[in-house]
Every structure is written in structure tokens, then in C-alpha cells.
Amino acid sequence: MAVNQTATTINGEFRKLITEADGYQPHLIAPEQGSHRLIESTLVTIRGLAEAAVDATHSILKDLVHKAMSETPTSRDFQGNNRSPV
């Protein structure tokens, strides 16, 4: 439910920015400022989601590398090394 509520909030914010930026309410914001604000707002909004996706992907890939190393006979020769492969 939180994702759905977040999506609704984001859509409302974007709708407001686009309405202001397309000249419908020209006294509030210039079109180029509206485009700039829309891009800024989008970056701020998706930053946390993007970072979470990158962290999750990194964790999955790291687990796959460790699993592949443990299943590969030649990699066991290098496992005495305490360095992480990733």
C-alpha cells in the first residue's frame, strides 16, 4: 500500500509541475523553470529507490560470485586469501 500511495503522491506532484510549466499558470513559473523543477523533483524522488535497487543488485551479484567460487575447483586454491573477490 505504501508504494501505491507514494506513486499517487508522485503523480500529483508531477501533474502540478507540468501544469505550472506548460504555461497554464504562467504567473507561477516560467516553462524552462518548470522543466528544471520537474527534472530536479524526479531525481530527488527516485534517488532512494535507485540506490535500493543498486544495493539489492550488488548483494545478489556478490552472492552469485561467492557461490560460483565455492563450486569451482580451481578457485579453492585462492580461497586461503582473505581478500573478497568483490
C-alpha atoms as a PDB file:
ATOM      1  CA  MET A   1       0.000   0.000   0.000  1.00  0.00           C
ATOM      2  CA  ALA A   2       2.861   2.398   0.715  1.00  0.00           C
ATOM      3  CA  VAL A   3       4.149   2.052  -2.838  1.00  0.00           C
ATOM      4  CA  ASN A   4       0.709   2.814  -4.252  1.00  0.00           C
ATOM      5  CA  GLN A   5       0.376   5.871  -2.004  1.00  0.00           C
ATOM      6  CA  THR A   6       3.864   7.036  -2.998  1.00  0.00           C
ATOM      7  CA  ALA A   7       3.008   6.632  -6.688  1.00  0.00           C
ATOM      8  CA  THR A   8      -0.165   8.692  -6.214  1.00  0.00           C
ATOM      9  CA  THR A   9       1.781  11.432  -4.428  1.00  0.00           C
ATOM     10  CA  ILE A  10       4.461  11.448  -7.126  1.00  0.00           C
ATOM     11  CA  ASN A  11       1.839  11.635  -9.878  1.00  0.00           C
ATOM     12  CA  GLY A  12       0.177  14.578  -8.129  1.00  0.00           C
ATOM     13  CA  GLU A  13       3.474  16.431  -7.777  1.00  0.00           C
ATOM     14  CA  PHE A  14       4.369  15.843 -11.423  1.00  0.00           C
ATOM     15  CA  ARG A  15       0.915  16.904 -12.576  1.00  0.00           C
ATOM     16  CA  LYS A  16       1.278  20.161 -10.612  1.00  0.00           C
ATOM     17  CA  LEU A  17       4.766  20.838 -12.008  1.00  0.00           C
ATOM     18  CA  ILE A  18       3.704  20.109 -15.577  1.00  0.00           C
ATOM     19  CA  THR A  19       0.606  22.283 -15.246  1.00  0.00           C
ATOM     20  CA  GLU A  20       2.729  25.157 -13.954  1.00  0.00           C
ATOM     21  CA  ALA A  21       5.443  24.594 -16.558  1.00  0.00           C
ATOM     22  CA  ASP A  22       3.248  24.368 -19.646  1.00  0.00           C
ATOM     23  CA  GLY A  23       2.100  27.951 -19.267  1.00  0.00           C
ATOM     24  CA  TYR A  24      -1.329  27.150 -17.850  1.00  0.00           C
ATOM     25  CA  GLN A  25      -0.431  29.249 -14.823  1.00  0.00           C
ATOM     26  CA  PRO A  26       2.323  31.446 -16.305  1.00  0.00           C
ATOM     27  CA  HIS A  27       2.411  33.812 -13.337  1.00  0.00           C
ATOM     28  CA  LEU A  28       3.668  30.988 -11.107  1.00  0.00           C
ATOM     29  CA  ILE A  29       6.588  29.621 -13.085  1.00  0.00           C
ATOM     30  CA  ALA A  30       8.306  30.016 -16.460  1.00  0.00           C
ATOM     31  CA  PRO A  31       8.296  26.964 -18.785  1.00  0.00           C
ATOM     32  CA  GLU A  32      12.070  26.462 -18.582  1.00  0.00           C
ATOM     33  CA  GLN A  33      11.926  26.698 -14.782  1.00  0.00           C
ATOM     34  CA  GLY A  34       9.140  24.133 -14.808  1.00  0.00           C
ATOM     35  CA  SER A  35      11.250  21.719 -16.823  1.00  0.00           C
ATOM     36  CA  HIS A  36      14.157  22.273 -14.446  1.00  0.00           C
ATOM     37  CA  ARG A  37      11.945  21.721 -11.381  1.00  0.00           C
ATOM     38  CA  LEU A  38      10.428  18.599 -12.932  1.00  0.00           C
ATOM     39  CA  ILE A  39      13.865  17.087 -13.540  1.00  0.00           C
ATOM     40  CA  GLU A  40      15.064  18.042 -10.042  1.00  0.00           C
ATOM     41  CA  SER A  41      11.927  16.648  -8.436  1.00  0.00           C
ATOM     42  CA  THR A  42      12.248  13.411 -10.387  1.00  0.00           C
ATOM     43  CA  LEU A  43      15.869  12.942  -9.366  1.00  0.00           C
ATOM     44  CA  VAL A  44      15.094  13.589  -5.705  1.00  0.00           C
ATOM     45  CA  THR A  45      12.084  11.266  -5.806  1.00  0.00           C
ATOM     46  CA  ILE A  46      13.781   8.300  -7.457  1.00  0.00           C
ATOM     47  CA  ARG A  47      17.172   8.564  -5.776  1.00  0.00           C
ATOM     48  CA  GLY A  48      16.266   6.389  -2.792  1.00  0.00           C
ATOM     49  CA  LEU A  49      14.565   3.806  -4.988  1.00  0.00           C
ATOM     50  CA  ALA A  50      17.529   3.703  -7.369  1.00  0.00           C
ATOM     51  CA  GLU A  51      20.026   3.327  -4.516  1.00  0.00           C
ATOM     52  CA  ALA A  52      17.971   0.478  -3.031  1.00  0.00           C
ATOM     53  CA  ALA A  53      17.853  -1.268  -6.415  1.00  0.00           C
ATOM     54  CA  VAL A  54      21.619  -0.906  -6.861  1.00  0.00           C
ATOM     55  CA  ASP A  55      22.281  -2.231  -3.341  1.00  0.00           C
ATOM     56  CA  ALA A  56      19.977  -5.223  -3.896  1.00  0.00           C
ATOM     57  CA  THR A  57      21.591  -5.994  -7.257  1.00  0.00           C
ATOM     58  CA  HIS A  58      25.075  -5.709  -5.746  1.00  0.00           C
ATOM     59  CA  SER A  59      24.135  -8.113  -2.960  1.00  0.00           C
ATOM     60  CA  ILE A  60      22.709 -10.656  -5.420  1.00  0.00           C
ATOM     61  CA  LEU A  61      25.753 -10.451  -7.689  1.00  0.00           C
ATOM     62  CA  LYS A  62      28.112 -10.744  -4.727  1.00  0.00           C
ATOM     63  CA  ASP A  63      26.291 -13.896  -3.548  1.00  0.00           C
ATOM     64  CA  LEU A  64      26.485 -15.354  -7.067  1.00  0.00           C
ATOM     65  CA  VAL A  65      30.233 -14.714  -7.235  1.00  0.00           C
ATOM     66  CA  HIS A  66      30.804 -16.381  -3.858  1.00  0.00           C
ATOM     67  CA  LYS A  67      28.642 -19.341  -4.880  1.00  0.00           C
ATOM     68  CA  ALA A  68      30.457 -19.702  -8.209  1.00  0.00           C
ATOM     69  CA  MET A  69      33.824 -19.525  -6.457  1.00  0.00           C
ATOM     70  CA  SER A  70      32.865 -22.199  -3.950  1.00  0.00           C
ATOM     71  CA  GLU A  71      31.659 -24.504  -6.747  1.00  0.00           C
ATOM     72  CA  THR A  72      34.727 -24.029  -8.960  1.00  0.00           C
ATOM     73  CA  PRO A  73      37.564 -26.446  -8.103  1.00  0.00           C
ATOM     74  CA  THR A  74      40.383 -24.135  -9.203  1.00  0.00           C
ATOM     75  CA  SER A  75      39.062 -21.220  -7.159  1.00  0.00           C
ATOM     76  CA  ARG A  76      39.627 -23.201  -3.957  1.00  0.00           C
ATOM     77  CA  ASP A  77      43.359 -22.707  -4.470  1.00  0.00           C
ATOM     78  CA  PHE A  78      42.856 -18.974  -3.943  1.00  0.00           C
ATOM     79  CA  GLN A  79      40.370 -19.127  -1.065  1.00  0.00           C
ATOM     80  CA  GLY A  80      43.127 -19.042   1.532  1.00  0.00           C
ATOM     81  CA  ASN A  81      43.445 -15.440   0.506  1.00  0.00           C
ATOM     82  CA  ASN A  82      41.277 -13.353   2.865  1.00  0.00           C
ATOM     83  CA  ARG A  83      40.507 -10.768   0.196  1.00  0.00           C
ATOM     84  CA  SER A  84      36.934 -10.558  -1.011  1.00  0.00           C
ATOM     85  CA  PRO A  85      36.547 -11.022  -4.790  1.00  0.00           C
ATOM     86  CA  VAL A  86      34.070  -8.168  -4.943  1.00  0.00           C
END
